[in-house]
Each structure stands twice: as structure tokens, then as C-alpha cells.
């Protein structure tokens, strides 16, 4: 009898705007995808610009506890993050374990690559996609990636593309 192996893929995509990424991440949360598998890289100035604007109108979910609220979407992932300085991009927020590894590798030119493109290649992203993702962040966009079980790949890709995710790529 063969033992079932539960394998995962990492799906990468970029968004032109904070709001596109925010809505997509809310959809993924609502569809049951765990936050611990989500990763985001965004310039801090871009995130602050949108979070400052959205904080007074942020949609919150009231919990059973009086006075407690829960942020959703991109606000939840980048809120409370500390910026990392990347030589080739500037200050970024990195949320999620893989995004943090990539950003720390890119920020440490003595120990790492010194740039985000090479750090993404170290995560097995194809070089043309790595260049595109780096440029998208520089241009004010968002790099989002998520680890999913193989059987959830099609659903996740559908959610990403329905919400204007671009430049989709997958790695095992």
C-alpha cells in the first residue's frame, strides 16, 4: 500500500496596487487559507501611504469580546512589521517566513546576495520572474506568495487571478 505524500507548492504573483493585494488576501483568508503560509514584500512608503489612508475606514470584524477588533487583508500582514533596508529597493516590509528570509538575505550583502532578485532566485523563482517581481516592488506594487497543498493549487490560482494577480509562477 502506497503512503500518500502531502506536497506543497509556493505560488508567487504581483499586484499593481496595495488595494488589489489587500482584497485578494482578504479573499484568501475568507476561503480558509492560513496566514502562516502567506508572504508579502512591499516598500514601506507604499504600505504607509495606504495604511494611513485606510486606517480610519478599515473594515474590521468584531469578535465576541467587547472592544476587540481584527484587521484583515494586507493591513493584517504588514501591520506591526519592522522595515528592512534593501540596497536595491530601499525599506520594505516583509511578512511571512519566506518573505522574511528573502528580505534578510537581500539586506545582508556580506552574508547574502545583496539584492532581492538573487534572493528570490535562491527560493527557486525563475530569473525573469524574479526581475519582474523586484521591479514591481520598486514601482509601488506588491509581491505576494503563498504555500498551498497541491490539491488547493487550482483554487488559490483562481482567487489570485480573479483579483488581478499578475506574473504568476509556482515552485515546488
N, C-alpha and C. Protein backbone atom coordinates (compact mmCIF):
# COMPACT_ATOMS: atom_id res chain seq x y z
N UNK A 1 0.84 -1.19 0.00
CA UNK A 1 0.00 0.00 0.00
C UNK A 1 0.88 1.24 0.00
N UNK A 2 0.62 2.16 -0.94
CA UNK A 2 1.39 3.38 -1.04
C UNK A 2 0.95 4.39 0.01
N UNK A 3 1.94 5.03 0.60
CA UNK A 3 1.65 6.08 1.56
C UNK A 3 1.45 7.39 0.82
N UNK A 4 0.38 8.11 1.15
CA UNK A 4 0.12 9.39 0.50
C UNK A 4 1.10 10.43 0.99
N UNK A 5 1.69 11.13 0.04
CA UNK A 5 2.60 12.21 0.36
C UNK A 5 1.88 13.52 0.13
N UNK A 6 1.86 14.35 1.14
CA UNK A 6 1.20 15.64 1.06
C UNK A 6 2.23 16.68 0.65
N UNK A 7 2.24 17.06 -0.62
CA UNK A 7 3.23 18.02 -1.08
C UNK A 7 2.60 19.40 -1.23
N UNK A 8 3.49 20.39 -1.22
CA UNK A 8 3.05 21.77 -1.31
C UNK A 8 3.76 22.48 -2.45
N UNK A 9 3.12 23.54 -2.91
CA UNK A 9 3.71 24.43 -3.91
C UNK A 9 3.68 25.85 -3.33
N UNK A 10 4.59 26.65 -3.81
CA UNK A 10 4.56 28.07 -3.48
C UNK A 10 4.16 28.82 -4.75
N UNK A 11 3.10 29.60 -4.65
CA UNK A 11 2.59 30.38 -5.78
C UNK A 11 2.99 31.84 -5.55
N UNK A 12 3.68 32.42 -6.52
CA UNK A 12 4.11 33.81 -6.47
C UNK A 12 3.25 34.61 -7.44
N UNK A 13 2.93 35.84 -7.08
CA UNK A 13 2.30 36.76 -8.02
C UNK A 13 2.53 38.18 -7.56
N UNK A 14 2.31 39.10 -8.47
CA UNK A 14 2.48 40.51 -8.14
C UNK A 14 1.16 41.24 -8.35
N UNK A 15 1.05 42.36 -7.67
CA UNK A 15 -0.11 43.23 -7.80
C UNK A 15 0.37 44.64 -8.08
N UNK A 16 -0.36 45.34 -8.92
CA UNK A 16 -0.01 46.72 -9.24
C UNK A 16 -0.26 47.66 -8.07
N UNK A 17 -1.22 47.30 -7.22
CA UNK A 17 -1.59 48.23 -6.16
C UNK A 17 -1.81 47.53 -4.83
N UNK A 18 -1.71 48.32 -3.80
CA UNK A 18 -1.98 47.87 -2.43
C UNK A 18 -3.41 47.35 -2.33
N UNK A 19 -4.35 48.09 -2.90
CA UNK A 19 -5.76 47.71 -2.76
C UNK A 19 -6.06 46.37 -3.43
N UNK A 20 -5.45 46.09 -4.59
CA UNK A 20 -5.65 44.79 -5.24
C UNK A 20 -5.13 43.66 -4.34
N UNK A 21 -3.93 43.84 -3.80
CA UNK A 21 -3.36 42.81 -2.92
C UNK A 21 -4.21 42.66 -1.66
N UNK A 22 -4.66 43.77 -1.11
CA UNK A 22 -5.47 43.76 0.11
C UNK A 22 -6.75 42.93 -0.08
N UNK A 23 -7.46 43.20 -1.16
CA UNK A 23 -8.71 42.47 -1.43
C UNK A 23 -8.45 40.98 -1.67
N UNK A 24 -7.38 40.67 -2.36
CA UNK A 24 -7.03 39.27 -2.64
C UNK A 24 -6.73 38.52 -1.35
N UNK A 25 -5.95 39.13 -0.49
CA UNK A 25 -5.58 38.48 0.78
C UNK A 25 -6.82 38.29 1.64
N UNK A 26 -7.74 39.25 1.64
CA UNK A 26 -9.00 39.06 2.37
C UNK A 26 -9.76 37.86 1.81
N UNK A 27 -9.79 37.71 0.49
CA UNK A 27 -10.47 36.57 -0.14
C UNK A 27 -9.82 35.25 0.26
N UNK A 28 -8.50 35.24 0.32
CA UNK A 28 -7.79 34.02 0.72
C UNK A 28 -8.09 33.68 2.18
N UNK A 29 -8.09 34.69 3.06
CA UNK A 29 -8.47 34.48 4.46
C UNK A 29 -9.88 33.90 4.54
N UNK A 30 -10.80 34.51 3.82
CA UNK A 30 -12.20 34.08 3.84
C UNK A 30 -12.38 32.66 3.29
N UNK A 31 -11.47 32.23 2.42
CA UNK A 31 -11.53 30.88 1.84
C UNK A 31 -10.78 29.85 2.68
N UNK A 32 -10.26 30.29 3.82
CA UNK A 32 -9.66 29.35 4.76
C UNK A 32 -8.16 29.13 4.61
N UNK A 33 -7.49 29.94 3.81
CA UNK A 33 -6.04 29.80 3.69
C UNK A 33 -5.38 30.39 4.93
N UNK A 34 -4.42 29.66 5.51
CA UNK A 34 -3.82 30.12 6.76
C UNK A 34 -2.82 31.26 6.57
N UNK A 35 -2.87 32.20 7.47
CA UNK A 35 -1.97 33.35 7.44
C UNK A 35 -0.51 32.91 7.46
N UNK A 36 -0.21 31.84 8.18
CA UNK A 36 1.19 31.40 8.32
C UNK A 36 1.80 30.98 6.99
N UNK A 37 0.99 30.74 5.96
CA UNK A 37 1.51 30.34 4.65
C UNK A 37 1.59 31.52 3.69
N UNK A 38 1.16 32.72 4.14
CA UNK A 38 1.15 33.91 3.27
C UNK A 38 2.41 34.74 3.48
N UNK A 39 2.91 35.30 2.38
CA UNK A 39 4.13 36.11 2.38
C UNK A 39 3.93 37.35 1.54
N UNK A 40 4.46 38.47 2.02
CA UNK A 40 4.32 39.75 1.32
C UNK A 40 5.62 40.52 1.39
N UNK A 41 5.97 41.17 0.28
CA UNK A 41 7.04 42.16 0.25
C UNK A 41 6.49 43.42 -0.40
N UNK A 42 6.64 44.56 0.30
CA UNK A 42 6.15 45.84 -0.18
C UNK A 42 7.04 46.94 0.37
N UNK A 43 7.26 47.99 -0.42
CA UNK A 43 8.03 49.13 0.08
C UNK A 43 7.27 49.76 1.25
N UNK A 44 8.01 50.16 2.27
CA UNK A 44 7.36 50.71 3.46
C UNK A 44 6.60 52.00 3.15
N UNK A 45 7.18 52.85 2.29
CA UNK A 45 6.48 54.11 1.99
C UNK A 45 5.14 53.84 1.31
N UNK A 46 5.10 52.84 0.46
CA UNK A 46 3.85 52.48 -0.22
C UNK A 46 2.82 51.94 0.78
N UNK A 47 3.26 51.07 1.66
CA UNK A 47 2.35 50.50 2.66
C UNK A 47 1.82 51.59 3.59
N UNK A 48 2.70 52.45 4.07
CA UNK A 48 2.27 53.52 4.98
C UNK A 48 1.29 54.47 4.32
N UNK A 49 1.52 54.75 3.06
CA UNK A 49 0.62 55.64 2.32
C UNK A 49 -0.80 55.09 2.33
N UNK A 50 -0.94 53.80 2.10
CA UNK A 50 -2.27 53.21 2.02
C UNK A 50 -2.83 52.86 3.39
N UNK A 51 -1.99 52.41 4.29
CA UNK A 51 -2.49 52.08 5.62
C UNK A 51 -2.96 53.32 6.34
N UNK A 52 -2.23 54.44 6.22
CA UNK A 52 -2.66 55.68 6.86
C UNK A 52 -4.03 56.10 6.33
N UNK A 53 -4.21 55.97 5.02
CA UNK A 53 -5.47 56.36 4.40
C UNK A 53 -6.60 55.41 4.81
N UNK A 54 -6.29 54.13 4.94
CA UNK A 54 -7.32 53.13 5.18
C UNK A 54 -7.60 52.88 6.65
N UNK A 55 -6.75 53.36 7.55
CA UNK A 55 -6.92 53.01 8.95
C UNK A 55 -8.25 53.51 9.52
N UNK A 56 -8.72 54.70 9.14
CA UNK A 56 -9.98 55.15 9.70
C UNK A 56 -11.18 54.50 9.04
N UNK A 57 -10.98 53.87 7.90
CA UNK A 57 -12.12 53.20 7.27
C UNK A 57 -11.87 51.71 7.09
N UNK A 58 -10.87 51.18 7.81
CA UNK A 58 -10.55 49.76 7.69
C UNK A 58 -11.77 48.93 8.09
N UNK A 59 -12.07 47.93 7.31
CA UNK A 59 -13.17 47.05 7.64
C UNK A 59 -12.66 46.07 8.69
N UNK A 60 -13.35 46.00 9.80
CA UNK A 60 -12.92 45.13 10.88
C UNK A 60 -14.03 44.15 11.20
N UNK A 61 -13.61 43.05 11.73
CA UNK A 61 -14.56 42.04 12.15
C UNK A 61 -14.61 42.09 13.67
N UNK A 62 -15.76 42.36 14.22
CA UNK A 62 -15.90 42.42 15.66
C UNK A 62 -15.96 40.99 16.19
N UNK A 63 -15.14 40.71 17.19
CA UNK A 63 -15.13 39.38 17.78
C UNK A 63 -16.16 39.32 18.90
N UNK A 64 -16.23 38.19 19.55
CA UNK A 64 -17.16 38.04 20.67
C UNK A 64 -16.77 38.90 21.86
N UNK A 65 -15.50 39.26 21.92
CA UNK A 65 -15.03 40.10 23.02
C UNK A 65 -15.37 41.55 22.73
N UNK A 66 -15.95 42.24 23.70
CA UNK A 66 -16.32 43.64 23.51
C UNK A 66 -15.05 44.47 23.32
N UNK A 67 -15.06 45.27 22.28
CA UNK A 67 -13.95 46.18 22.04
C UNK A 67 -12.80 45.60 21.24
N UNK A 68 -12.75 44.30 21.01
CA UNK A 68 -11.66 43.73 20.24
C UNK A 68 -12.02 43.73 18.77
N UNK A 69 -11.05 44.06 17.95
CA UNK A 69 -11.26 44.05 16.51
C UNK A 69 -10.13 43.28 15.85
N UNK A 70 -10.38 42.82 14.65
CA UNK A 70 -9.38 42.05 13.92
C UNK A 70 -9.23 42.64 12.52
N UNK A 71 -8.02 43.09 12.19
CA UNK A 71 -7.77 43.60 10.84
C UNK A 71 -7.67 42.42 9.89
N UNK A 72 -8.00 42.66 8.64
CA UNK A 72 -7.92 41.61 7.63
C UNK A 72 -7.09 42.10 6.46
N UNK A 73 -6.80 41.20 5.56
CA UNK A 73 -6.11 41.53 4.33
C UNK A 73 -4.67 41.94 4.53
N UNK A 74 -4.20 42.76 3.61
CA UNK A 74 -2.81 43.20 3.64
C UNK A 74 -2.49 44.01 4.89
N UNK A 75 -3.46 44.77 5.38
CA UNK A 75 -3.25 45.54 6.62
C UNK A 75 -2.83 44.61 7.76
N UNK A 76 -3.44 43.44 7.83
CA UNK A 76 -3.13 42.48 8.89
C UNK A 76 -1.71 41.93 8.74
N UNK A 77 -1.31 41.66 7.50
CA UNK A 77 0.01 41.07 7.29
C UNK A 77 1.15 42.04 7.53
N UNK A 78 1.01 43.29 7.09
CA UNK A 78 2.14 44.22 7.22
C UNK A 78 2.06 45.09 8.46
N UNK A 79 0.89 45.19 9.07
CA UNK A 79 0.77 45.99 10.28
C UNK A 79 1.66 45.43 11.38
N UNK A 80 2.46 46.27 11.98
CA UNK A 80 3.33 45.85 13.06
C UNK A 80 4.68 45.29 12.61
N UNK A 81 4.92 45.21 11.30
CA UNK A 81 6.22 44.72 10.81
C UNK A 81 7.27 45.83 10.94
N UNK A 82 8.50 45.41 11.11
CA UNK A 82 9.61 46.36 11.12
C UNK A 82 10.25 46.39 9.74
N UNK A 83 10.61 47.57 9.27
CA UNK A 83 11.19 47.64 7.92
C UNK A 83 12.60 47.06 7.88
N UNK A 84 12.92 46.51 6.71
CA UNK A 84 14.27 46.05 6.41
C UNK A 84 14.78 46.89 5.25
N UNK A 85 16.04 47.26 5.30
CA UNK A 85 16.65 48.07 4.24
C UNK A 85 17.30 47.16 3.21
N UNK A 86 16.84 47.26 1.97
CA UNK A 86 17.43 46.51 0.86
C UNK A 86 18.19 47.49 -0.02
N UNK A 87 19.44 47.16 -0.33
CA UNK A 87 20.28 48.06 -1.12
C UNK A 87 19.63 48.45 -2.44
N UNK A 88 18.99 47.51 -3.09
CA UNK A 88 18.48 47.77 -4.44
C UNK A 88 17.05 48.32 -4.48
N UNK A 89 16.37 48.35 -3.33
CA UNK A 89 14.97 48.78 -3.31
C UNK A 89 14.71 49.88 -2.29
N UNK A 90 15.35 49.81 -1.16
CA UNK A 90 15.08 50.71 -0.05
C UNK A 90 14.40 49.94 1.07
N UNK A 91 13.64 50.64 1.89
CA UNK A 91 12.98 49.98 3.02
C UNK A 91 11.75 49.21 2.57
N UNK A 92 11.64 47.98 3.06
CA UNK A 92 10.48 47.13 2.74
C UNK A 92 9.94 46.52 4.02
N UNK A 93 8.66 46.17 3.96
CA UNK A 93 8.06 45.31 4.96
C UNK A 93 8.06 43.90 4.36
N UNK A 94 8.48 42.95 5.18
CA UNK A 94 8.45 41.55 4.78
C UNK A 94 7.59 40.82 5.81
N UNK A 95 6.53 40.21 5.34
CA UNK A 95 5.65 39.47 6.23
C UNK A 95 5.61 38.02 5.76
N UNK A 96 5.74 37.10 6.70
CA UNK A 96 5.76 35.68 6.39
C UNK A 96 7.19 35.16 6.43
N UNK A 97 7.33 33.88 6.71
CA UNK A 97 8.67 33.32 6.91
C UNK A 97 9.52 33.37 5.65
N UNK A 98 8.96 33.00 4.50
CA UNK A 98 9.76 33.01 3.27
C UNK A 98 10.12 34.43 2.83
N UNK A 99 9.18 35.36 2.96
CA UNK A 99 9.45 36.75 2.60
C UNK A 99 10.52 37.33 3.50
N UNK A 100 10.48 36.98 4.78
CA UNK A 100 11.48 37.48 5.72
C UNK A 100 12.85 36.93 5.39
N UNK A 101 12.92 35.65 5.04
CA UNK A 101 14.19 35.05 4.64
C UNK A 101 14.74 35.75 3.41
N UNK A 102 13.90 35.96 2.41
CA UNK A 102 14.34 36.63 1.18
C UNK A 102 14.83 38.05 1.48
N UNK A 103 14.07 38.79 2.27
CA UNK A 103 14.44 40.18 2.56
C UNK A 103 15.72 40.25 3.39
N UNK A 104 15.86 39.37 4.37
CA UNK A 104 17.08 39.38 5.19
C UNK A 104 18.29 38.97 4.37
N UNK A 105 18.11 38.01 3.48
CA UNK A 105 19.21 37.61 2.59
C UNK A 105 19.61 38.78 1.70
N UNK A 106 18.61 39.47 1.15
CA UNK A 106 18.89 40.60 0.26
C UNK A 106 19.47 41.80 1.02
N UNK A 107 19.16 41.91 2.30
CA UNK A 107 19.63 43.07 3.06
C UNK A 107 21.04 42.87 3.59
N UNK A 108 21.54 41.66 3.59
CA UNK A 108 22.85 41.36 4.16
C UNK A 108 23.84 41.07 3.04
N UNK A 109 24.46 42.13 2.52
CA UNK A 109 25.36 41.94 1.38
C UNK A 109 26.62 41.17 1.76
N UNK A 110 26.99 41.12 3.05
CA UNK A 110 28.15 40.33 3.47
C UNK A 110 27.84 38.84 3.44
N UNK A 111 26.65 38.48 3.92
CA UNK A 111 26.28 37.07 4.02
C UNK A 111 25.40 36.60 2.87
N UNK A 112 24.69 37.51 2.26
CA UNK A 112 23.72 37.12 1.25
C UNK A 112 24.03 37.68 -0.12
N UNK A 113 22.99 37.87 -0.88
CA UNK A 113 23.13 38.25 -2.28
C UNK A 113 23.26 39.75 -2.46
N UNK A 114 22.72 40.53 -1.53
CA UNK A 114 22.76 41.96 -1.67
C UNK A 114 21.64 42.54 -2.50
N UNK A 115 20.82 41.69 -3.14
CA UNK A 115 19.69 42.22 -3.88
C UNK A 115 18.54 41.22 -3.87
N UNK A 116 17.34 41.75 -4.03
CA UNK A 116 16.14 40.93 -3.91
C UNK A 116 16.02 39.92 -5.05
N UNK A 117 16.38 40.31 -6.25
CA UNK A 117 16.27 39.39 -7.39
C UNK A 117 17.02 38.09 -7.10
N UNK A 118 18.26 38.19 -6.64
CA UNK A 118 19.04 36.99 -6.35
C UNK A 118 18.48 36.22 -5.16
N UNK A 119 17.95 36.93 -4.17
CA UNK A 119 17.34 36.25 -3.03
C UNK A 119 16.11 35.45 -3.46
N UNK A 120 15.32 35.99 -4.40
CA UNK A 120 14.17 35.25 -4.93
C UNK A 120 14.62 34.05 -5.75
N UNK A 121 15.68 34.21 -6.50
CA UNK A 121 16.22 33.08 -7.26
C UNK A 121 16.66 31.97 -6.31
N UNK A 122 17.21 32.36 -5.15
CA UNK A 122 17.57 31.37 -4.13
C UNK A 122 16.36 30.59 -3.63
N UNK A 123 15.15 31.17 -3.77
CA UNK A 123 13.90 30.48 -3.41
C UNK A 123 13.34 29.70 -4.60
N UNK A 124 14.14 29.54 -5.65
CA UNK A 124 13.79 28.79 -6.87
C UNK A 124 12.86 29.53 -7.82
N UNK A 125 12.72 30.83 -7.66
CA UNK A 125 11.95 31.62 -8.62
C UNK A 125 12.79 31.76 -9.89
N UNK A 126 12.18 31.55 -11.05
CA UNK A 126 12.89 31.72 -12.31
C UNK A 126 13.39 33.15 -12.44
N UNK A 127 14.62 33.34 -12.96
CA UNK A 127 15.20 34.69 -13.04
C UNK A 127 14.33 35.74 -13.72
N UNK A 128 13.64 35.45 -14.84
CA UNK A 128 12.79 36.50 -15.41
C UNK A 128 11.67 36.95 -14.46
N UNK A 129 11.08 36.01 -13.73
CA UNK A 129 10.05 36.38 -12.75
C UNK A 129 10.66 37.16 -11.59
N UNK A 130 11.83 36.75 -11.13
CA UNK A 130 12.50 37.44 -10.02
C UNK A 130 12.76 38.90 -10.39
N UNK A 131 13.20 39.15 -11.62
CA UNK A 131 13.42 40.53 -12.09
C UNK A 131 12.11 41.31 -12.11
N UNK A 132 11.06 40.66 -12.62
CA UNK A 132 9.75 41.31 -12.70
C UNK A 132 9.22 41.65 -11.31
N UNK A 133 9.32 40.72 -10.37
CA UNK A 133 8.83 40.96 -9.00
C UNK A 133 9.60 42.10 -8.34
N UNK A 134 10.92 42.11 -8.50
CA UNK A 134 11.74 43.18 -7.93
C UNK A 134 11.29 44.53 -8.49
N UNK A 135 11.12 44.59 -9.80
CA UNK A 135 10.72 45.85 -10.44
C UNK A 135 9.31 46.27 -10.00
N UNK A 136 8.44 45.30 -9.84
CA UNK A 136 7.05 45.61 -9.41
C UNK A 136 7.08 46.29 -8.03
N UNK A 137 7.92 45.79 -7.12
CA UNK A 137 8.03 46.40 -5.79
C UNK A 137 8.59 47.81 -5.91
N UNK A 138 9.63 47.98 -6.71
CA UNK A 138 10.22 49.31 -6.91
C UNK A 138 9.16 50.29 -7.43
N UNK A 139 8.31 49.81 -8.33
CA UNK A 139 7.27 50.66 -8.94
C UNK A 139 6.05 50.88 -8.04
N UNK A 140 6.09 50.37 -6.81
CA UNK A 140 5.00 50.61 -5.88
C UNK A 140 3.99 49.48 -5.77
N UNK A 141 4.28 48.36 -6.39
CA UNK A 141 3.39 47.21 -6.32
C UNK A 141 3.71 46.30 -5.14
N UNK A 142 3.09 45.15 -5.14
CA UNK A 142 3.20 44.19 -4.04
C UNK A 142 3.59 42.84 -4.61
N UNK A 143 4.55 42.19 -3.95
CA UNK A 143 4.85 40.79 -4.25
C UNK A 143 4.17 39.96 -3.17
N UNK A 144 3.34 39.03 -3.60
CA UNK A 144 2.62 38.14 -2.69
C UNK A 144 2.94 36.71 -3.07
N UNK A 145 3.17 35.86 -2.07
CA UNK A 145 3.31 34.44 -2.35
C UNK A 145 2.76 33.64 -1.21
N UNK A 146 2.26 32.45 -1.56
CA UNK A 146 1.56 31.61 -0.60
C UNK A 146 1.92 30.15 -0.83
N UNK A 147 2.12 29.44 0.26
CA UNK A 147 2.35 28.00 0.21
C UNK A 147 1.01 27.31 0.33
N UNK A 148 0.73 26.39 -0.61
CA UNK A 148 -0.55 25.68 -0.60
C UNK A 148 -0.32 24.19 -0.84
N UNK A 149 -1.24 23.39 -0.31
CA UNK A 149 -1.24 21.96 -0.60
C UNK A 149 -1.54 21.78 -2.09
N UNK A 150 -0.96 20.75 -2.68
CA UNK A 150 -1.16 20.51 -4.12
C UNK A 150 -2.63 20.55 -4.52
N UNK A 151 -3.49 19.94 -3.72
CA UNK A 151 -4.91 19.87 -4.10
C UNK A 151 -5.62 21.23 -4.02
N UNK A 152 -5.00 22.22 -3.39
CA UNK A 152 -5.59 23.57 -3.29
C UNK A 152 -4.99 24.55 -4.30
N UNK A 153 -4.04 24.06 -5.11
CA UNK A 153 -3.33 24.94 -6.04
C UNK A 153 -4.28 25.62 -7.02
N UNK A 154 -5.16 24.86 -7.67
CA UNK A 154 -6.06 25.45 -8.67
C UNK A 154 -6.97 26.51 -8.06
N UNK A 155 -7.50 26.23 -6.88
CA UNK A 155 -8.37 27.19 -6.21
C UNK A 155 -7.61 28.48 -5.87
N UNK A 156 -6.40 28.33 -5.34
CA UNK A 156 -5.60 29.51 -4.97
C UNK A 156 -5.26 30.34 -6.21
N UNK A 157 -4.86 29.68 -7.29
CA UNK A 157 -4.55 30.38 -8.53
C UNK A 157 -5.78 31.13 -9.03
N UNK A 158 -6.94 30.51 -8.92
CA UNK A 158 -8.18 31.15 -9.35
C UNK A 158 -8.45 32.42 -8.53
N UNK A 159 -8.29 32.35 -7.23
CA UNK A 159 -8.51 33.52 -6.37
C UNK A 159 -7.53 34.62 -6.74
N UNK A 160 -6.28 34.25 -6.95
CA UNK A 160 -5.26 35.25 -7.29
C UNK A 160 -5.55 35.94 -8.63
N UNK A 161 -5.90 35.16 -9.64
CA UNK A 161 -6.15 35.75 -10.96
C UNK A 161 -7.46 36.53 -11.00
N UNK A 162 -8.48 36.07 -10.29
CA UNK A 162 -9.74 36.81 -10.23
C UNK A 162 -9.56 38.19 -9.62
N UNK A 163 -8.55 38.33 -8.77
CA UNK A 163 -8.29 39.59 -8.08
C UNK A 163 -7.12 40.36 -8.68
N UNK A 164 -6.84 40.10 -9.96
CA UNK A 164 -5.84 40.84 -10.73
C UNK A 164 -4.40 40.54 -10.33
N UNK A 165 -4.15 39.35 -9.79
CA UNK A 165 -2.77 38.92 -9.58
C UNK A 165 -2.12 38.69 -10.93
N UNK A 166 -0.90 39.16 -11.06
CA UNK A 166 -0.18 39.06 -12.34
C UNK A 166 1.12 38.30 -12.14
N UNK A 167 1.71 37.89 -13.27
CA UNK A 167 3.02 37.25 -13.27
C UNK A 167 3.07 36.04 -12.34
N UNK A 168 2.06 35.18 -12.44
CA UNK A 168 2.01 34.01 -11.59
C UNK A 168 3.11 33.03 -11.94
N UNK A 169 3.75 32.51 -10.91
CA UNK A 169 4.73 31.44 -11.08
C UNK A 169 4.62 30.52 -9.87
N UNK A 170 5.04 29.28 -10.06
CA UNK A 170 4.97 28.29 -8.98
C UNK A 170 6.29 27.57 -8.84
N UNK A 171 6.63 27.26 -7.60
CA UNK A 171 7.79 26.43 -7.32
C UNK A 171 7.36 25.34 -6.34
N UNK A 172 8.00 24.18 -6.45
CA UNK A 172 7.66 23.09 -5.51
C UNK A 172 8.09 23.41 -4.09
